[in-house]
Amino acid sequence: MANSTQTETTTATSGYLNRKVRTYDEAAVDREIKKDRRIKGREARATHALLKGRV
């Protein structure tokens, strides 16, 4: 399911295999983080890393 912060793109790997890769809209995530005063710097960076797949 894609929502306002995530979109799906299709990439071709090895010519015949197509794989869906999830990307996210960094600006939209930043707006949502700034709306919530409880989220501080370290948690915001962790959220971005998680959405980028760097866990």
C-alpha atoms as a PDB file:
ATOM      1  CA  MET A   1       0.000   0.000   0.000  1.00  0.00           C
ATOM      2  CA  ALA A   2       1.340   3.348  -0.950  1.00  0.00           C
ATOM      3  CA  ASN A   3       0.438   6.439   1.007  1.00  0.00           C
ATOM      4  CA  SER A   4       1.456  10.076   0.771  1.00  0.00           C
ATOM      5  CA  THR A   5       4.969   9.397   2.058  1.00  0.00           C
ATOM      6  CA  GLN A   6       5.747   6.239   0.093  1.00  0.00           C
ATOM      7  CA  THR A   7       5.609   5.448  -3.610  1.00  0.00           C
ATOM      8  CA  GLU A   8       6.479   2.346  -5.568  1.00  0.00           C
ATOM      9  CA  THR A   9       8.802   2.279  -8.536  1.00  0.00           C
ATOM     10  CA  THR A  10       9.684  -0.666 -10.718  1.00  0.00           C
ATOM     11  CA  THR A  11      13.274  -1.423 -11.600  1.00  0.00           C
ATOM     12  CA  ALA A  12      14.574  -4.076 -13.961  1.00  0.00           C
ATOM     13  CA  THR A  13      17.229  -6.390 -12.637  1.00  0.00           C
ATOM     14  CA  SER A  14      19.093  -8.840 -14.893  1.00  0.00           C
ATOM     15  CA  GLY A  15      16.819  -8.114 -17.860  1.00  0.00           C
ATOM     16  CA  TYR A  16      13.879 -10.382 -17.050  1.00  0.00           C
ATOM     17  CA  LEU A  17      13.188  -9.965 -13.350  1.00  0.00           C
ATOM     18  CA  ASN A  18      11.237  -6.891 -12.291  1.00  0.00           C
ATOM     19  CA  ARG A  19      11.270  -5.890  -8.669  1.00  0.00           C
ATOM     20  CA  LYS A  20       9.270  -3.216  -6.887  1.00  0.00           C
ATOM     21  CA  VAL A  21      11.351  -0.831  -4.832  1.00  0.00           C
ATOM     22  CA  ARG A  22       9.745   1.403  -2.247  1.00  0.00           C
ATOM     23  CA  THR A  23      10.964   4.970  -2.048  1.00  0.00           C
ATOM     24  CA  TYR A  24       9.742   7.761   0.144  1.00  0.00           C
ATOM     25  CA  ASP A  25       9.180  11.476  -0.137  1.00  0.00           C
ATOM     26  CA  GLU A  26      11.740  13.034   2.199  1.00  0.00           C
ATOM     27  CA  ALA A  27      10.025  16.438   2.213  1.00  0.00           C
ATOM     28  CA  ALA A  28       6.686  14.903   3.236  1.00  0.00           C
ATOM     29  CA  VAL A  29       8.330  12.957   6.042  1.00  0.00           C
ATOM     30  CA  ASP A  30      10.092  16.124   7.255  1.00  0.00           C
ATOM     31  CA  ARG A  31       6.767  17.977   7.362  1.00  0.00           C
ATOM     32  CA  GLU A  32       5.161  15.216   9.420  1.00  0.00           C
ATOM     33  CA  ILE A  33       8.129  15.081  11.807  1.00  0.00           C
ATOM     34  CA  LYS A  34       8.027  18.853  12.320  1.00  0.00           C
ATOM     35  CA  LYS A  35       4.293  18.691  13.113  1.00  0.00           C
ATOM     36  CA  ASP A  36       4.951  16.323  16.037  1.00  0.00           C
ATOM     37  CA  ARG A  37       6.890  18.190  18.741  1.00  0.00           C
ATOM     38  CA  ARG A  38       7.687  14.916  20.545  1.00  0.00           C
ATOM     39  CA  ILE A  39      10.076  13.793  17.783  1.00  0.00           C
ATOM     40  CA  LYS A  40      13.597  15.122  18.334  1.00  0.00           C
ATOM     41  CA  GLY A  41      16.735  15.027  16.180  1.00  0.00           C
ATOM     42  CA  ARG A  42      18.009  11.555  16.901  1.00  0.00           C
ATOM     43  CA  GLU A  43      14.603   9.959  16.431  1.00  0.00           C
ATOM     44  CA  ALA A  44      14.048  11.940  13.205  1.00  0.00           C
ATOM     45  CA  ARG A  45      17.349  10.687  11.790  1.00  0.00           C
ATOM     46  CA  ALA A  46      16.451   7.128  12.800  1.00  0.00           C
ATOM     47  CA  THR A  47      13.066   7.483  11.085  1.00  0.00           C
ATOM     48  CA  HIS A  48      14.705   8.645   7.848  1.00  0.00           C
ATOM     49  CA  ALA A  49      17.242   5.815   8.008  1.00  0.00           C
ATOM     50  CA  LEU A  50      14.481   3.266   8.577  1.00  0.00           C
ATOM     51  CA  LEU A  51      12.453   4.532   5.626  1.00  0.00           C
ATOM     52  CA  LYS A  52      15.531   4.560   3.400  1.00  0.00           C
ATOM     53  CA  GLY A  53      16.254   0.948   4.364  1.00  0.00           C
ATOM     54  CA  ARG A  54      19.503   1.630   6.229  1.00  0.00           C
ATOM     55  CA  VAL A  55      18.801  -0.345   9.348  1.00  0.00           C
END
